[in-house]
N, C-alpha and C. Protein backbone atom coordinates (compact mmCIF):
# COMPACT_ATOMS: atom_id res chain seq x y z
N MET A 1 0.82 -1.20 0.00
CA MET A 1 0.00 0.00 0.00
C MET A 1 0.86 1.26 0.00
N LYS A 2 1.91 1.25 0.81
CA LYS A 2 2.78 2.42 0.89
C LYS A 2 3.46 2.70 -0.45
N LEU A 3 3.75 1.66 -1.19
CA LEU A 3 4.38 1.80 -2.49
C LEU A 3 3.46 2.52 -3.47
N SER A 4 2.16 2.21 -3.47
CA SER A 4 1.23 2.85 -4.40
C SER A 4 1.02 4.32 -4.05
N ILE A 5 1.04 4.69 -2.80
CA ILE A 5 0.92 6.10 -2.41
C ILE A 5 2.15 6.86 -2.89
N SER A 6 3.30 6.26 -2.75
CA SER A 6 4.53 6.90 -3.19
C SER A 6 4.52 7.12 -4.71
N ARG A 7 4.03 6.13 -5.45
CA ARG A 7 3.94 6.27 -6.90
C ARG A 7 2.95 7.37 -7.28
N ALA A 8 1.84 7.42 -6.61
CA ALA A 8 0.83 8.44 -6.91
C ALA A 8 1.39 9.83 -6.67
N LYS A 9 2.10 9.98 -5.55
CA LYS A 9 2.72 11.27 -5.27
C LYS A 9 3.76 11.63 -6.32
N SER A 10 4.57 10.67 -6.72
CA SER A 10 5.60 10.96 -7.71
C SER A 10 4.98 11.33 -9.05
N PHE A 11 3.85 10.68 -9.42
CA PHE A 11 3.17 11.05 -10.67
C PHE A 11 2.59 12.46 -10.58
N ARG A 12 2.02 12.80 -9.42
CA ARG A 12 1.48 14.16 -9.25
C ARG A 12 2.60 15.20 -9.35
N ILE A 13 3.70 14.91 -8.72
CA ILE A 13 4.84 15.83 -8.77
C ILE A 13 5.36 15.97 -10.20
N ALA A 14 5.44 14.86 -10.90
CA ALA A 14 5.91 14.89 -12.29
C ALA A 14 4.96 15.68 -13.17
N ARG A 15 3.64 15.47 -12.99
CA ARG A 15 2.66 16.23 -13.77
C ARG A 15 2.73 17.71 -13.46
N PHE A 16 2.90 18.04 -12.18
CA PHE A 16 3.02 19.45 -11.81
C PHE A 16 4.26 20.08 -12.45
N GLY A 17 5.36 19.36 -12.39
CA GLY A 17 6.59 19.86 -13.00
C GLY A 17 6.45 20.04 -14.50
N LEU A 18 5.79 19.12 -15.17
CA LEU A 18 5.57 19.23 -16.61
C LEU A 18 4.68 20.42 -16.92
N ALA A 19 3.60 20.59 -16.16
CA ALA A 19 2.70 21.72 -16.37
C ALA A 19 3.44 23.04 -16.13
N LEU A 20 4.24 23.08 -15.11
CA LEU A 20 5.02 24.29 -14.82
C LEU A 20 5.97 24.62 -15.96
N ALA A 21 6.63 23.61 -16.49
CA ALA A 21 7.56 23.83 -17.59
C ALA A 21 6.85 24.28 -18.85
N VAL A 22 5.70 23.69 -19.13
CA VAL A 22 4.96 24.01 -20.35
C VAL A 22 4.36 25.41 -20.29
N PHE A 23 3.78 25.78 -19.15
CA PHE A 23 3.07 27.05 -19.07
C PHE A 23 3.92 28.21 -18.56
N ALA A 24 4.80 27.97 -17.63
CA ALA A 24 5.59 29.05 -17.05
C ALA A 24 6.85 29.32 -17.86
N GLY A 25 7.36 28.34 -18.57
CA GLY A 25 8.58 28.53 -19.37
C GLY A 25 8.46 29.65 -20.37
N PRO A 26 7.42 29.65 -21.24
CA PRO A 26 7.29 30.73 -22.21
C PRO A 26 7.09 32.10 -21.57
N VAL A 27 6.38 32.16 -20.44
CA VAL A 27 6.19 33.43 -19.75
C VAL A 27 7.53 33.95 -19.24
N TRP A 28 8.32 33.09 -18.65
CA TRP A 28 9.64 33.50 -18.15
C TRP A 28 10.52 33.97 -19.30
N ALA A 29 10.47 33.27 -20.44
CA ALA A 29 11.29 33.63 -21.58
C ALA A 29 10.91 35.00 -22.12
N GLN A 30 9.63 35.34 -22.12
CA GLN A 30 9.20 36.65 -22.60
C GLN A 30 9.65 37.76 -21.67
N GLU A 31 9.65 37.50 -20.39
CA GLU A 31 10.06 38.52 -19.42
C GLU A 31 11.56 38.74 -19.43
N HIS A 32 12.34 37.80 -19.90
CA HIS A 32 13.79 37.89 -19.84
C HIS A 32 14.40 37.88 -21.24
N LYS A 33 13.85 38.67 -22.14
CA LYS A 33 14.40 38.74 -23.48
C LYS A 33 15.73 39.50 -23.42
N PRO A 34 16.74 39.00 -24.11
CA PRO A 34 18.01 39.74 -24.14
C PRO A 34 17.86 41.01 -24.95
N GLU A 35 18.52 42.05 -24.52
CA GLU A 35 18.47 43.29 -25.28
C GLU A 35 19.38 43.18 -26.49
N HIS A 36 18.89 43.65 -27.61
CA HIS A 36 19.67 43.61 -28.83
C HIS A 36 20.59 44.84 -28.85
N PRO A 37 21.82 44.65 -29.29
CA PRO A 37 22.72 45.80 -29.36
C PRO A 37 22.21 46.81 -30.38
N ARG A 38 22.50 48.04 -30.15
CA ARG A 38 22.12 49.10 -31.08
C ARG A 38 23.36 49.58 -31.80
N TYR A 39 23.21 49.78 -33.08
CA TYR A 39 24.33 50.20 -33.91
C TYR A 39 24.02 51.54 -34.56
N THR A 40 25.07 52.27 -34.82
CA THR A 40 24.92 53.53 -35.57
C THR A 40 25.88 53.51 -36.74
N PHE A 41 25.51 54.20 -37.79
CA PHE A 41 26.38 54.33 -38.95
C PHE A 41 27.02 55.71 -38.92
N THR A 42 28.31 55.75 -39.21
CA THR A 42 29.05 56.99 -39.20
C THR A 42 29.79 57.14 -40.52
N ASP A 43 29.64 58.30 -41.15
CA ASP A 43 30.38 58.57 -42.38
C ASP A 43 31.83 58.84 -41.98
N LEU A 44 32.73 57.97 -42.39
CA LEU A 44 34.14 58.08 -42.00
C LEU A 44 34.91 59.03 -42.90
N GLY A 45 34.36 59.34 -44.05
CA GLY A 45 35.03 60.26 -44.97
C GLY A 45 36.18 59.58 -45.71
N ALA A 46 36.72 60.27 -46.69
CA ALA A 46 37.84 59.75 -47.48
C ALA A 46 39.09 60.56 -47.12
N LEU A 47 40.15 60.34 -47.87
CA LEU A 47 41.41 61.06 -47.64
C LEU A 47 41.61 62.12 -48.72
N GLY A 48 40.56 62.86 -49.00
CA GLY A 48 40.63 63.88 -50.03
C GLY A 48 40.09 63.40 -51.36
N GLY A 49 39.83 62.11 -51.47
CA GLY A 49 39.27 61.55 -52.70
C GLY A 49 37.75 61.46 -52.58
N THR A 50 37.19 60.55 -53.36
CA THR A 50 35.73 60.48 -53.43
C THR A 50 35.12 59.24 -52.76
N SER A 51 35.95 58.30 -52.29
CA SER A 51 35.37 57.08 -51.73
C SER A 51 36.20 56.53 -50.58
N SER A 52 35.54 55.74 -49.79
CA SER A 52 36.23 55.00 -48.72
C SER A 52 35.41 53.75 -48.41
N MET A 53 36.08 52.76 -47.82
CA MET A 53 35.41 51.51 -47.50
C MET A 53 36.03 50.92 -46.24
N ALA A 54 35.19 50.59 -45.28
CA ALA A 54 35.66 49.95 -44.05
C ALA A 54 35.65 48.45 -44.25
N PHE A 55 36.69 47.77 -43.73
CA PHE A 55 36.77 46.32 -43.83
C PHE A 55 36.58 45.63 -42.49
N TYR A 56 37.13 46.17 -41.42
CA TYR A 56 37.08 45.52 -40.11
C TYR A 56 36.87 46.55 -39.01
N VAL A 57 36.15 46.15 -37.97
CA VAL A 57 35.96 46.95 -36.77
C VAL A 57 36.30 46.05 -35.59
N ASN A 58 37.15 46.51 -34.67
CA ASN A 58 37.47 45.68 -33.51
C ASN A 58 36.66 46.12 -32.29
N ALA A 59 36.85 45.46 -31.17
CA ALA A 59 36.09 45.73 -29.95
C ALA A 59 36.37 47.11 -29.37
N HIS A 60 37.47 47.73 -29.74
CA HIS A 60 37.82 49.06 -29.24
C HIS A 60 37.30 50.17 -30.15
N GLY A 61 36.64 49.80 -31.23
CA GLY A 61 36.08 50.79 -32.15
C GLY A 61 37.03 51.23 -33.24
N ALA A 62 38.20 50.62 -33.34
CA ALA A 62 39.13 50.96 -34.42
C ALA A 62 38.61 50.35 -35.71
N VAL A 63 38.62 51.12 -36.78
CA VAL A 63 38.13 50.69 -38.08
C VAL A 63 39.28 50.77 -39.07
N VAL A 64 39.47 49.71 -39.84
CA VAL A 64 40.49 49.73 -40.89
C VAL A 64 39.82 49.48 -42.23
N GLY A 65 40.39 50.10 -43.25
CA GLY A 65 39.83 49.95 -44.58
C GLY A 65 40.70 50.66 -45.60
N GLN A 66 40.04 51.13 -46.66
CA GLN A 66 40.77 51.88 -47.68
C GLN A 66 40.00 53.14 -48.03
N ALA A 67 40.73 54.13 -48.50
CA ALA A 67 40.11 55.39 -48.90
C ALA A 67 40.90 55.95 -50.08
N SER A 68 40.20 56.70 -50.92
CA SER A 68 40.86 57.28 -52.07
C SER A 68 41.49 58.62 -51.69
N VAL A 69 42.57 58.93 -52.35
CA VAL A 69 43.27 60.21 -52.19
C VAL A 69 43.01 61.03 -53.45
N PRO A 70 43.38 62.34 -53.47
CA PRO A 70 43.05 63.18 -54.61
C PRO A 70 43.53 62.67 -55.98
N ASP A 71 44.64 61.96 -56.04
CA ASP A 71 45.11 61.48 -57.35
C ASP A 71 44.38 60.22 -57.81
N GLY A 72 43.41 59.72 -57.01
CA GLY A 72 42.61 58.57 -57.39
C GLY A 72 43.11 57.24 -56.86
N SER A 73 44.31 57.22 -56.30
CA SER A 73 44.82 55.95 -55.77
C SER A 73 44.16 55.63 -54.43
N GLN A 74 44.26 54.38 -54.05
CA GLN A 74 43.65 53.91 -52.80
C GLN A 74 44.74 53.69 -51.75
N HIS A 75 44.51 54.18 -50.55
CA HIS A 75 45.45 53.99 -49.44
C HIS A 75 44.76 53.24 -48.31
N ALA A 76 45.53 52.49 -47.57
CA ALA A 76 45.02 51.88 -46.34
C ALA A 76 44.80 53.00 -45.33
N VAL A 77 43.75 52.87 -44.53
CA VAL A 77 43.43 53.92 -43.58
C VAL A 77 42.94 53.30 -42.27
N LEU A 78 43.24 53.99 -41.18
CA LEU A 78 42.78 53.60 -39.85
C LEU A 78 41.95 54.74 -39.30
N TRP A 79 40.71 54.44 -38.88
CA TRP A 79 39.86 55.41 -38.22
C TRP A 79 39.74 55.00 -36.77
N LEU A 80 40.02 55.93 -35.86
CA LEU A 80 39.93 55.63 -34.43
C LEU A 80 39.54 56.88 -33.66
N LYS A 81 38.44 56.80 -32.93
CA LYS A 81 37.96 57.90 -32.08
C LYS A 81 37.83 59.21 -32.85
N GLY A 82 37.28 59.14 -34.05
CA GLY A 82 37.03 60.34 -34.84
C GLY A 82 38.23 60.84 -35.63
N LEU A 83 39.37 60.21 -35.48
CA LEU A 83 40.56 60.61 -36.24
C LEU A 83 40.85 59.59 -37.32
N LYS A 84 41.42 60.04 -38.43
CA LYS A 84 41.80 59.09 -39.48
C LYS A 84 43.29 59.22 -39.76
N LYS A 85 43.90 58.08 -40.02
CA LYS A 85 45.35 58.01 -40.25
C LYS A 85 45.58 57.32 -41.58
N ASP A 86 46.23 58.03 -42.50
CA ASP A 86 46.61 57.47 -43.79
C ASP A 86 47.79 56.52 -43.57
N LEU A 87 47.59 55.24 -43.85
CA LEU A 87 48.63 54.24 -43.67
C LEU A 87 49.44 54.01 -44.94
N GLY A 88 49.06 54.69 -46.01
CA GLY A 88 49.81 54.60 -47.26
C GLY A 88 49.52 53.31 -48.02
N THR A 89 50.48 52.97 -48.88
CA THR A 89 50.34 51.75 -49.69
C THR A 89 51.56 50.86 -49.47
N LEU A 90 51.40 49.59 -49.78
CA LEU A 90 52.54 48.67 -49.68
C LEU A 90 53.38 48.72 -50.94
N ALA A 91 52.70 48.73 -52.08
CA ALA A 91 53.41 48.79 -53.35
C ALA A 91 52.41 49.19 -54.43
N GLY A 92 52.87 49.89 -55.45
CA GLY A 92 51.98 50.29 -56.53
C GLY A 92 51.06 51.41 -56.11
N LEU A 93 49.96 51.55 -56.84
CA LEU A 93 49.04 52.64 -56.58
C LEU A 93 47.97 52.32 -55.54
N THR A 94 47.74 51.03 -55.25
CA THR A 94 46.67 50.69 -54.31
C THR A 94 47.24 50.00 -53.09
N GLY A 95 46.53 50.10 -51.96
CA GLY A 95 47.01 49.55 -50.69
C GLY A 95 46.59 48.16 -50.46
């Protein structure tokens, strides 16, 4: 007899746990939605030319890419904290 009471209790507990998971789980998930990061776009400008392109951004906000100079050639450039640094070219007209 004691065995059947124990089984009945365990089934009730299991059903309660299942109901809790089914009904309370989605409510908890809605209340704890992760915040999505917000991004902004910033015009980084060129190096006196007409175009620029960013390739990588690191965790510190440093941006590297290429930008055109007045003669039309492309130079490597670093943008950091609102400042831009012309890194020049490795060889030839483009960086």
